[in-house]
């Protein structure tokens, strides 16, 4: 704590949960950080940040299922459309090089 802050803001943990949610809740793809690991990291940060008497605020993790990623975009809606568009674009780019005229 070389700078000796007098105030801090701390907001951690969103990506610990968001990655899991974006992976469809599949812990094999992206597991939630274990509670003991997160608790240790969190308490270490708070204890370090307040060790010189600094005051601060801590942010809470919102319910990830209420963010636009999960409320606005249906599950896998654009993948077929995107693949088709990409395929068409790739063909347009490569045809001049590989097609016999």
PDB file of N, CA and C in Angstrom:
ATOM      1  N   UNK A   1       0.834  -1.186   0.000  1.00  0.00           N
ATOM      2  CA  UNK A   1       0.000   0.000   0.000  1.00  0.00           C
ATOM      3  C   UNK A   1       0.876   1.246   0.000  1.00  0.00           C
ATOM      4  N   UNK A   2       1.760   1.299  -0.942  1.00  0.00           N
ATOM      5  CA  UNK A   2       2.749   2.373  -1.032  1.00  0.00           C
ATOM      6  C   UNK A   2       2.119   3.752  -1.176  1.00  0.00           C
ATOM      7  N   UNK A   3       0.955   3.836  -1.783  1.00  0.00           N
ATOM      8  CA  UNK A   3       0.336   5.143  -2.017  1.00  0.00           C
ATOM      9  C   UNK A   3      -0.509   5.619  -0.838  1.00  0.00           C
ATOM     10  N   UNK A   4      -0.750   4.775   0.127  1.00  0.00           N
ATOM     11  CA  UNK A   4      -1.544   5.119   1.316  1.00  0.00           C
ATOM     12  C   UNK A   4      -2.863   5.801   0.968  1.00  0.00           C
ATOM     13  N   UNK A   5      -3.751   5.116   0.288  1.00  0.00           N
ATOM     14  CA  UNK A   5      -5.029   5.743  -0.065  1.00  0.00           C
ATOM     15  C   UNK A   5      -5.876   6.013   1.176  1.00  0.00           C
ATOM     16  N   UNK A   6      -6.730   7.005   1.059  1.00  0.00           N
ATOM     17  CA  UNK A   6      -7.655   7.309   2.156  1.00  0.00           C
ATOM     18  C   UNK A   6      -9.062   6.797   1.844  1.00  0.00           C
ATOM     19  N   UNK A   7      -9.302   6.473   0.572  1.00  0.00           N
ATOM     20  CA  UNK A   7     -10.613   5.972   0.151  1.00  0.00           C
ATOM     21  C   UNK A   7     -10.410   4.976  -0.993  1.00  0.00           C
ATOM     22  N   UNK A   8     -11.247   3.954  -1.027  1.00  0.00           N
ATOM     23  CA  UNK A   8     -11.169   2.960  -2.096  1.00  0.00           C
ATOM     24  C   UNK A   8     -12.564   2.495  -2.471  1.00  0.00           C
ATOM     25  N   UNK A   9     -12.679   1.939  -3.655  1.00  0.00           N
ATOM     26  CA  UNK A   9     -13.903   1.246  -4.055  1.00  0.00           C
ATOM     27  C   UNK A   9     -13.485  -0.146  -4.507  1.00  0.00           C
ATOM     28  N   UNK A  10     -14.275  -1.119  -4.127  1.00  0.00           N
ATOM     29  CA  UNK A  10     -13.957  -2.514  -4.427  1.00  0.00           C
ATOM     30  C   UNK A  10     -15.208  -3.194  -4.966  1.00  0.00           C
ATOM     31  N   UNK A  11     -15.077  -3.743  -6.140  1.00  0.00           N
ATOM     32  CA  UNK A  11     -16.203  -4.455  -6.737  1.00  0.00           C
ATOM     33  C   UNK A  11     -15.622  -5.655  -7.473  1.00  0.00           C
ATOM     34  N   UNK A  12     -15.613  -6.786  -6.821  1.00  0.00           N
ATOM     35  CA  UNK A  12     -15.046  -7.992  -7.423  1.00  0.00           C
ATOM     36  C   UNK A  12     -16.093  -9.100  -7.444  1.00  0.00           C
ATOM     37  N   UNK A  13     -15.867 -10.080  -8.282  1.00  0.00           N
ATOM     38  CA  UNK A  13     -16.720 -11.266  -8.290  1.00  0.00           C
ATOM     39  C   UNK A  13     -17.641 -11.403  -9.475  1.00  0.00           C
ATOM     40  N   UNK A  14     -17.891 -10.306 -10.199  1.00  0.00           N
ATOM     41  CA  UNK A  14     -18.818 -10.399 -11.337  1.00  0.00           C
ATOM     42  C   UNK A  14     -18.379 -11.443 -12.349  1.00  0.00           C
ATOM     43  N   UNK A  15     -17.126 -11.404 -12.742  1.00  0.00           N
ATOM     44  CA  UNK A  15     -16.660 -12.342 -13.751  1.00  0.00           C
ATOM     45  C   UNK A  15     -16.598 -13.771 -13.240  1.00  0.00           C
ATOM     46  N   UNK A  16     -16.498 -13.928 -11.920  1.00  0.00           N
ATOM     47  CA  UNK A  16     -16.513 -15.270 -11.347  1.00  0.00           C
ATOM     48  C   UNK A  16     -17.848 -15.960 -11.603  1.00  0.00           C
ATOM     49  N   UNK A  17     -18.905 -15.193 -11.618  1.00  0.00           N
ATOM     50  CA  UNK A  17     -20.241 -15.741 -11.838  1.00  0.00           C
ATOM     51  C   UNK A  17     -20.669 -15.609 -13.299  1.00  0.00           C
ATOM     52  N   UNK A  18     -20.298 -14.500 -13.922  1.00  0.00           N
ATOM     53  CA  UNK A  18     -20.727 -14.243 -15.291  1.00  0.00           C
ATOM     54  C   UNK A  18     -20.188 -15.289 -16.265  1.00  0.00           C
ATOM     55  N   UNK A  19     -18.932 -15.650 -16.136  1.00  0.00           N
ATOM     56  CA  UNK A  19     -18.360 -16.664 -17.024  1.00  0.00           C
ATOM     57  C   UNK A  19     -19.123 -17.970 -16.955  1.00  0.00           C
ATOM     58  N   UNK A  20     -19.479 -18.366 -15.763  1.00  0.00           N
ATOM     59  CA  UNK A  20     -20.266 -19.588 -15.555  1.00  0.00           C
ATOM     60  C   UNK A  20     -21.631 -19.467 -16.230  1.00  0.00           C
ATOM     61  N   UNK A  21     -22.263 -18.322 -16.042  1.00  0.00           N
ATOM     62  CA  UNK A  21     -23.594 -18.121 -16.639  1.00  0.00           C
ATOM     63  C   UNK A  21     -23.517 -18.101 -18.159  1.00  0.00           C
ATOM     64  N   UNK A  22     -22.492 -17.434 -18.707  1.00  0.00           N
ATOM     65  CA  UNK A  22     -22.345 -17.369 -20.158  1.00  0.00           C
ATOM     66  C   UNK A  22     -22.017 -18.737 -20.759  1.00  0.00           C
ATOM     67  N   UNK A  23     -21.426 -19.597 -19.957  1.00  0.00           N
ATOM     68  CA  UNK A  23     -21.103 -20.951 -20.414  1.00  0.00           C
ATOM     69  C   UNK A  23     -22.303 -21.877 -20.269  1.00  0.00           C
ATOM     70  N   UNK A  24     -23.470 -21.310 -20.017  1.00  0.00           N
ATOM     71  CA  UNK A  24     -24.675 -22.121 -19.900  1.00  0.00           C
ATOM     72  C   UNK A  24     -24.765 -22.880 -18.593  1.00  0.00           C
ATOM     73  N   UNK A  25     -24.032 -22.429 -17.585  1.00  0.00           N
ATOM     74  CA  UNK A  25     -24.056 -23.103 -16.292  1.00  0.00           C
ATOM     75  C   UNK A  25     -23.299 -24.414 -16.303  1.00  0.00           C
ATOM     76  N   UNK A  26     -22.382 -24.557 -17.252  1.00  0.00           N
ATOM     77  CA  UNK A  26     -21.604 -25.791 -17.366  1.00  0.00           C
ATOM     78  C   UNK A  26     -20.258 -25.591 -16.673  1.00  0.00           C
ATOM     79  N   UNK A  27     -20.076 -26.213 -15.505  1.00  0.00           N
ATOM     80  CA  UNK A  27     -18.826 -26.007 -14.773  1.00  0.00           C
ATOM     81  C   UNK A  27     -17.603 -26.567 -15.500  1.00  0.00           C
ATOM     82  N   UNK A  28     -17.808 -27.465 -16.451  1.00  0.00           N
ATOM     83  CA  UNK A  28     -16.678 -27.980 -17.229  1.00  0.00           C
ATOM     84  C   UNK A  28     -16.125 -26.903 -18.155  1.00  0.00           C
ATOM     85  N   UNK A  29     -16.982 -25.964 -18.580  1.00  0.00           N
ATOM     86  CA  UNK A  29     -16.547 -24.885 -19.469  1.00  0.00           C
ATOM     87  C   UNK A  29     -16.030 -23.684 -18.692  1.00  0.00           C
ATOM     88  N   UNK A  30     -16.696 -23.344 -17.610  1.00  0.00           N
ATOM     89  CA  UNK A  30     -16.292 -22.197 -16.804  1.00  0.00           C
ATOM     90  C   UNK A  30     -16.937 -22.332 -15.430  1.00  0.00           C
ATOM     91  N   UNK A  31     -16.162 -22.770 -14.479  1.00  0.00           N
ATOM     92  CA  UNK A  31     -16.692 -23.008 -13.136  1.00  0.00           C
ATOM     93  C   UNK A  31     -16.719 -21.718 -12.325  1.00  0.00           C
ATOM     94  N   UNK A  32     -17.643 -21.654 -11.391  1.00  0.00           N
ATOM     95  CA  UNK A  32     -17.687 -20.536 -10.450  1.00  0.00           C
ATOM     96  C   UNK A  32     -16.497 -20.685  -9.504  1.00  0.00           C
ATOM     97  N   UNK A  33     -15.870 -19.571  -9.170  1.00  0.00           N
ATOM     98  CA  UNK A  33     -14.766 -19.605  -8.216  1.00  0.00           C
ATOM     99  C   UNK A  33     -15.260 -20.225  -6.913  1.00  0.00           C
ATOM    100  N   UNK A  34     -14.518 -21.188  -6.361  1.00  0.00           N
ATOM    101  CA  UNK A  34     -14.938 -21.793  -5.090  1.00  0.00           C
ATOM    102  C   UNK A  34     -15.103 -20.733  -3.999  1.00  0.00           C
ATOM    103  N   UNK A  35     -16.084 -20.920  -3.157  1.00  0.00           N
ATOM    104  CA  UNK A  35     -16.399 -19.960  -2.096  1.00  0.00           C
ATOM    105  C   UNK A  35     -15.195 -19.683  -1.203  1.00  0.00           C
ATOM    106  N   UNK A  36     -14.458 -20.715  -0.843  1.00  0.00           N
ATOM    107  CA  UNK A  36     -13.308 -20.502   0.039  1.00  0.00           C
ATOM    108  C   UNK A  36     -12.244 -19.640  -0.644  1.00  0.00           C
ATOM    109  N   UNK A  37     -12.015 -19.850  -1.930  1.00  0.00           N
ATOM    110  CA  UNK A  37     -11.040 -19.053  -2.679  1.00  0.00           C
ATOM    111  C   UNK A  37     -11.488 -17.600  -2.759  1.00  0.00           C
ATOM    112  N   UNK A  38     -12.771 -17.404  -3.096  1.00  0.00           N
ATOM    113  CA  UNK A  38     -13.301 -16.048  -3.209  1.00  0.00           C
ATOM    114  C   UNK A  38     -13.278 -15.342  -1.853  1.00  0.00           C
ATOM    115  N   UNK A  39     -13.699 -16.030  -0.804  1.00  0.00           N
ATOM    116  CA  UNK A  39     -13.722 -15.423   0.538  1.00  0.00           C
ATOM    117  C   UNK A  39     -12.331 -15.011   0.977  1.00  0.00           C
ATOM    118  N   UNK A  40     -11.344 -15.853   0.713  1.00  0.00           N
ATOM    119  CA  UNK A  40      -9.970 -15.517   1.064  1.00  0.00           C
ATOM    120  C   UNK A  40      -9.493 -14.274   0.304  1.00  0.00           C
ATOM    121  N   UNK A  41      -9.728 -14.267  -1.001  1.00  0.00           N
ATOM    122  CA  UNK A  41      -9.303 -13.121  -1.826  1.00  0.00           C
ATOM    123  C   UNK A  41     -10.003 -11.843  -1.371  1.00  0.00           C
ATOM    124  N   UNK A  42     -11.302 -11.946  -1.109  1.00  0.00           N
ATOM    125  CA  UNK A  42     -12.096 -10.780  -0.721  1.00  0.00           C
ATOM    126  C   UNK A  42     -11.621 -10.225   0.621  1.00  0.00           C
ATOM    127  N   UNK A  43     -11.491 -11.089   1.606  1.00  0.00           N
ATOM    128  CA  UNK A  43     -11.087 -10.612   2.931  1.00  0.00           C
ATOM    129  C   UNK A  43      -9.653 -10.082   2.914  1.00  0.00           C
ATOM    130  N   UNK A  44      -8.777 -10.691   2.119  1.00  0.00           N
ATOM    131  CA  UNK A  44      -7.406 -10.199   1.997  1.00  0.00           C
ATOM    132  C   UNK A  44      -7.397  -8.793   1.394  1.00  0.00           C
ATOM    133  N   UNK A  45      -8.179  -8.592   0.347  1.00  0.00           N
ATOM    134  CA  UNK A  45      -8.261  -7.264  -0.269  1.00  0.00           C
ATOM    135  C   UNK A  45      -8.791  -6.220   0.705  1.00  0.00           C
ATOM    136  N   UNK A  46      -9.892  -6.523   1.364  1.00  0.00           N
ATOM    137  CA  UNK A  46     -10.494  -5.559   2.303  1.00  0.00           C
ATOM    138  C   UNK A  46      -9.531  -5.266   3.449  1.00  0.00           C
ATOM    139  N   UNK A  47      -8.920  -6.304   4.002  1.00  0.00           N
ATOM    140  CA  UNK A  47      -7.987  -6.098   5.117  1.00  0.00           C
ATOM    141  C   UNK A  47      -6.785  -5.260   4.687  1.00  0.00           C
ATOM    142  N   UNK A  48      -6.281  -5.510   3.489  1.00  0.00           N
ATOM    143  CA  UNK A  48      -5.136  -4.743   2.992  1.00  0.00           C
ATOM    144  C   UNK A  48      -5.530  -3.298   2.726  1.00  0.00           C
ATOM    145  N   UNK A  49      -6.678  -3.102   2.087  1.00  0.00           N
ATOM    146  CA  UNK A  49      -7.111  -1.742   1.746  1.00  0.00           C
ATOM    147  C   UNK A  49      -7.428  -0.905   2.984  1.00  0.00           C
ATOM    148  N   UNK A  50      -7.865  -1.530   4.057  1.00  0.00           N
ATOM    149  CA  UNK A  50      -8.220  -0.785   5.276  1.00  0.00           C
ATOM    150  C   UNK A  50      -7.092  -0.784   6.313  1.00  0.00           C
ATOM    151  N   UNK A  51      -5.973  -1.399   5.998  1.00  0.00           N
ATOM    152  CA  UNK A  51      -4.885  -1.551   6.981  1.00  0.00           C
ATOM    153  C   UNK A  51      -4.311  -0.215   7.455  1.00  0.00           C
ATOM    154  N   UNK A  52      -4.377   0.804   6.628  1.00  0.00           N
ATOM    155  CA  UNK A  52      -3.878   2.130   7.027  1.00  0.00           C
ATOM    156  C   UNK A  52      -5.009   3.076   7.410  1.00  0.00           C
ATOM    157  N   UNK A  53      -6.194   2.536   7.667  1.00  0.00           N
ATOM    158  CA  UNK A  53      -7.317   3.355   8.085  1.00  0.00           C
ATOM    159  C   UNK A  53      -8.168   3.909   6.956  1.00  0.00           C
ATOM    160  N   UNK A  54      -7.922   3.459   5.737  1.00  0.00           N
ATOM    161  CA  UNK A  54      -8.711   3.952   4.602  1.00  0.00           C
ATOM    162  C   UNK A  54     -10.167   3.516   4.737  1.00  0.00           C
ATOM    163  N   UNK A  55     -11.039   4.365   4.281  1.00  0.00           N
ATOM    164  CA  UNK A  55     -12.469   4.063   4.207  1.00  0.00           C
ATOM    165  C   UNK A  55     -12.788   3.703   2.764  1.00  0.00           C
ATOM    166  N   UNK A  56     -13.903   3.024   2.561  1.00  0.00           N
ATOM    167  CA  UNK A  56     -14.240   2.674   1.193  1.00  0.00           C
ATOM    168  C   UNK A  56     -15.655   2.156   1.041  1.00  0.00           C
ATOM    169  N   UNK A  57     -15.957   1.811  -0.190  1.00  0.00           N
ATOM    170  CA  UNK A  57     -17.243   1.206  -0.515  1.00  0.00           C
ATOM    171  C   UNK A  57     -16.973  -0.093  -1.258  1.00  0.00           C
ATOM    172  N   UNK A  58     -17.884  -1.033  -1.063  1.00  0.00           N
ATOM    173  CA  UNK A  58     -17.783  -2.303  -1.784  1.00  0.00           C
ATOM    174  C   UNK A  58     -19.066  -2.500  -2.581  1.00  0.00           C
ATOM    175  N   UNK A  59     -18.914  -2.989  -3.797  1.00  0.00           N
ATOM    176  CA  UNK A  59     -20.071  -3.226  -4.653  1.00  0.00           C
ATOM    177  C   UNK A  59     -20.568  -4.652  -4.503  1.00  0.00           C
ATOM    178  N   UNK A  60     -21.835  -4.797  -4.718  1.00  0.00           N
ATOM    179  CA  UNK A  60     -22.467  -6.103  -4.653  1.00  0.00           C
ATOM    180  C   UNK A  60     -22.558  -6.684  -6.060  1.00  0.00           C
ATOM    181  N   UNK A  61     -22.623  -7.980  -6.159  1.00  0.00           N
ATOM    182  CA  UNK A  61     -22.753  -8.634  -7.452  1.00  0.00           C
ATOM    183  C   UNK A  61     -24.241  -8.692  -7.798  1.00  0.00           C
ATOM    184  N   UNK A  62     -24.625  -8.147  -8.966  1.00  0.00           N
ATOM    185  CA  UNK A  62     -26.040  -8.206  -9.356  1.00  0.00           C
ATOM    186  C   UNK A  62     -26.412  -9.625  -9.776  1.00  0.00           C
ATOM    187  N   UNK A  63     -27.672  -9.884  -9.824  1.00  0.00           N
ATOM    188  CA  UNK A  63     -28.132 -11.164 -10.351  1.00  0.00           C
ATOM    189  C   UNK A  63     -27.807 -11.179 -11.842  1.00  0.00           C
ATOM    190  N   UNK A  64     -26.917 -12.078 -12.245  1.00  0.00           N
ATOM    191  CA  UNK A  64     -26.474 -12.061 -13.635  1.00  0.00           C
ATOM    192  C   UNK A  64     -27.596 -12.398 -14.613  1.00  0.00           C
ATOM    193  N   UNK A  65     -28.617 -13.071 -14.133  1.00  0.00           N
ATOM    194  CA  UNK A  65     -29.717 -13.424 -15.037  1.00  0.00           C
ATOM    195  C   UNK A  65     -30.602 -12.227 -15.365  1.00  0.00           C
ATOM    196  N   UNK A  66     -30.344 -11.073 -14.737  1.00  0.00           N
ATOM    197  CA  UNK A  66     -31.140  -9.884 -15.031  1.00  0.00           C
ATOM    198  C   UNK A  66     -30.426  -8.921 -15.965  1.00  0.00           C
ATOM    199  N   UNK A  67     -29.194  -9.234 -16.352  1.00  0.00           N
ATOM    200  CA  UNK A  67     -28.474  -8.339 -17.265  1.00  0.00           C
ATOM    201  C   UNK A  67     -28.960  -8.575 -18.692  1.00  0.00           C
ATOM    202  N   UNK A  68     -28.781  -7.599 -19.577  1.00  0.00           N
ATOM    203  CA  UNK A  68     -29.310  -7.708 -20.941  1.00  0.00           C
ATOM    204  C   UNK A  68     -28.880  -8.957 -21.701  1.00  0.00           C
ATOM    205  N   UNK A  69     -27.696  -9.467 -21.427  1.00  0.00           N
ATOM    206  CA  UNK A  69     -27.234 -10.687 -22.107  1.00  0.00           C
ATOM    207  C   UNK A  69     -28.243 -11.821 -21.958  1.00  0.00           C
ATOM    208  N   UNK A  70     -28.917 -11.869 -20.812  1.00  0.00           N
ATOM    209  CA  UNK A  70     -29.840 -12.968 -20.544  1.00  0.00           C
ATOM    210  C   UNK A  70     -31.309 -12.587 -20.672  1.00  0.00           C
ATOM    211  N   UNK A  71     -31.594 -11.290 -20.794  1.00  0.00           N
ATOM    212  CA  UNK A  71     -33.000 -10.888 -20.890  1.00  0.00           C
ATOM    213  C   UNK A  71     -33.375 -10.376 -22.269  1.00  0.00           C
ATOM    214  N   UNK A  72     -32.413  -9.972 -23.073  1.00  0.00           N
ATOM    215  CA  UNK A  72     -32.686  -9.378 -24.374  1.00  0.00           C
ATOM    216  C   UNK A  72     -32.406 -10.334 -25.522  1.00  0.00           C
ATOM    217  N   UNK A  73     -31.342 -11.087 -25.396  1.00  0.00           N
ATOM    218  CA  UNK A  73     -30.920 -11.978 -26.480  1.00  0.00           C
ATOM    219  C   UNK A  73     -31.379 -13.396 -26.170  1.00  0.00           C
ATOM    220  N   UNK A  74     -32.199 -13.988 -27.028  1.00  0.00           N
ATOM    221  CA  UNK A  74     -32.603 -15.373 -26.782  1.00  0.00           C
ATOM    222  C   UNK A  74     -31.404 -16.308 -26.928  1.00  0.00           C
ATOM    223  N   UNK A  75     -31.553 -17.505 -26.412  1.00  0.00           N
ATOM    224  CA  UNK A  75     -30.470 -18.484 -26.454  1.00  0.00           C
ATOM    225  C   UNK A  75     -30.108 -18.825 -27.895  1.00  0.00           C
ATOM    226  N   UNK A  76     -28.863 -18.637 -28.240  1.00  0.00           N
ATOM    227  CA  UNK A  76     -28.280 -18.971 -29.540  1.00  0.00           C
ATOM    228  C   UNK A  76     -29.132 -18.535 -30.742  1.00  0.00           C
ATOM    229  N   UNK A  77     -29.639 -17.323 -30.761  1.00  0.00           N
ATOM    230  CA  UNK A  77     -30.509 -16.937 -31.865  1.00  0.00           C
ATOM    231  C   UNK A  77     -29.784 -16.582 -33.147  1.00  0.00           C
ATOM    232  N   UNK A  78     -28.573 -16.062 -33.005  1.00  0.00           N
ATOM    233  CA  UNK A  78     -27.903 -15.492 -34.162  1.00  0.00           C
ATOM    234  C   UNK A  78     -26.872 -16.420 -34.789  1.00  0.00           C
ATOM    235  N   UNK A  79     -26.568 -17.515 -34.163  1.00  0.00           N
ATOM    236  CA  UNK A  79     -25.490 -18.363 -34.670  1.00  0.00           C
ATOM    237  C   UNK A  79     -25.732 -18.808 -36.108  1.00  0.00           C
ATOM    238  N   UNK A  80     -26.898 -19.344 -36.487  1.00  0.00           N
ATOM    239  CA  UNK A  80     -27.084 -19.742 -37.886  1.00  0.00           C
ATOM    240  C   UNK A  80     -26.973 -18.563 -38.855  1.00  0.00           C
ATOM    241  N   UNK A  81     -27.507 -17.422 -38.471  1.00  0.00           N
ATOM    242  CA  UNK A  81     -27.456 -16.239 -39.335  1.00  0.00           C
ATOM    243  C   UNK A  81     -26.016 -15.769 -39.493  1.00  0.00           C
ATOM    244  N   UNK A  82     -25.287 -15.711 -38.394  1.00  0.00           N
ATOM    245  CA  UNK A  82     -23.896 -15.263 -38.441  1.00  0.00           C
ATOM    246  C   UNK A  82     -23.062 -16.208 -39.285  1.00  0.00           C
ATOM    247  N   UNK A  83     -23.259 -17.507 -39.104  1.00  0.00           N
ATOM    248  CA  UNK A  83     -22.497 -18.472 -39.903  1.00  0.00           C
ATOM    249  C   UNK A  83     -22.769 -18.306 -41.389  1.00  0.00           C
ATOM    250  N   UNK A  84     -24.026 -18.096 -41.744  1.00  0.00           N
ATOM    251  CA  UNK A  84     -24.365 -17.908 -43.147  1.00  0.00           C
ATOM    252  C   UNK A  84     -23.709 -16.640 -43.697  1.00  0.00           C
ATOM    253  N   UNK A  85     -23.792 -15.547 -42.943  1.00  0.00           N
ATOM    254  CA  UNK A  85     -23.176 -14.289 -43.378  1.00  0.00           C
ATOM    255  C   UNK A  85     -21.662 -14.428 -43.520  1.00  0.00           C
ATOM    256  N   UNK A  86     -21.052 -15.085 -42.555  1.00  0.00           N
ATOM    257  CA  UNK A  86     -19.611 -15.274 -42.624  1.00  0.00           C
ATOM    258  C   UNK A  86     -19.225 -16.136 -43.819  1.00  0.00           C
ATOM    259  N   UNK A  87     -19.980 -17.187 -44.050  1.00  0.00           N
ATOM    260  CA  UNK A  87     -19.698 -18.066 -45.183  1.00  0.00           C
ATOM    261  C   UNK A  87     -19.803 -17.287 -46.485  1.00  0.00           C
ATOM    262  N   UNK A  88     -20.848 -16.485 -46.612  1.00  0.00           N
ATOM    263  CA  UNK A  88     -21.020 -15.671 -47.827  1.00  0.00           C
ATOM    264  C   UNK A  88     -19.865 -14.690 -48.001  1.00  0.00           C
ATOM    265  N   UNK A  89     -19.447 -14.056 -46.904  1.00  0.00           N
ATOM    266  CA  UNK A  89     -18.351 -13.085 -46.987  1.00  0.00           C
ATOM    267  C   UNK A  89     -17.036 -13.769 -47.355  1.00  0.00           C
ATOM    268  N   UNK A  90     -16.798 -14.925 -46.779  1.00  0.00           N
ATOM    269  CA  UNK A  90     -15.574 -15.665 -47.095  1.00  0.00           C
ATOM    270  C   UNK A  90     -15.565 -16.074 -48.559  1.00  0.00           C
ATOM    271  N   UNK A  91     -16.709 -16.532 -49.038  1.00  0.00           N
ATOM    272  CA  UNK A  91     -16.784 -16.910 -50.449  1.00  0.00           C
ATOM    273  C   UNK A  91     -16.504 -15.707 -51.349  1.00  0.00           C
ATOM    274  N   UNK A  92     -17.074 -14.573 -51.027  1.00  0.00           N
ATOM    275  CA  UNK A  92     -16.844 -13.371 -51.830  1.00  0.00           C
ATOM    276  C   UNK A  92     -15.363 -12.972 -51.829  1.00  0.00           C
ATOM    277  N   UNK A  93     -14.723 -13.144 -50.699  1.00  0.00           N
ATOM    278  CA  UNK A  93     -13.314 -12.774 -50.606  1.00  0.00           C
ATOM    279  C   UNK A  93     -12.398 -13.760 -51.331  1.00  0.00           C
ATOM    280  N   UNK A  94     -12.727 -15.040 -51.264  1.00  0.00           N
ATOM    281  CA  UNK A  94     -11.830 -16.051 -51.811  1.00  0.00           C
ATOM    282  C   UNK A  94     -12.111 -16.428 -53.260  1.00  0.00           C
ATOM    283  N   UNK A  95     -13.308 -16.217 -53.737  1.00  0.00           N
ATOM    284  CA  UNK A  95     -13.646 -16.602 -55.102  1.00  0.00           C
ATOM    285  C   UNK A  95     -12.703 -16.030 -56.150  1.00  0.00           C
ATOM    286  N   UNK A  96     -12.323 -14.758 -56.060  1.00  0.00           N
ATOM    287  CA  UNK A  96     -11.396 -14.235 -57.091  1.00  0.00           C
ATOM    288  C   UNK A  96     -10.070 -14.986 -57.143  1.00  0.00           C
ATOM    289  N   UNK A  97      -9.683 -15.580 -56.069  1.00  0.00           N
ATOM    290  CA  UNK A  97      -8.389 -16.262 -56.025  1.00  0.00           C
ATOM    291  C   UNK A  97      -8.463 -17.737 -56.423  1.00  0.00           C
ATOM    292  N   UNK A  98      -9.596 -18.374 -56.159  1.00  0.00           N
ATOM    293  CA  UNK A  98      -9.663 -19.816 -56.345  1.00  0.00           C
ATOM    294  C   UNK A  98     -10.633 -20.283 -57.421  1.00  0.00           C
ATOM    295  N   UNK A  99     -11.435 -19.425 -57.957  1.00  0.00           N
ATOM    296  CA  UNK A  99     -12.391 -19.829 -58.994  1.00  0.00           C
ATOM    297  C   UNK A  99     -11.808 -19.586 -60.379  1.00  0.00           C
ATOM    298  N   UNK A 100     -12.050 -20.548 -61.255  1.00  0.00           N
ATOM    299  CA  UNK A 100     -11.608 -20.397 -62.641  1.00  0.00           C
ATOM    300  C   UNK A 100     -12.706 -19.651 -63.385  1.00  0.00           C
ATOM    301  N   UNK A 101     -12.322 -18.631 -64.125  1.00  0.00           N
ATOM    302  CA  UNK A 101     -13.321 -17.862 -64.856  1.00  0.00           C
ATOM    303  C   UNK A 101     -13.312 -18.218 -66.317  1.00  0.00           C
TER     304      UNK A 101
END
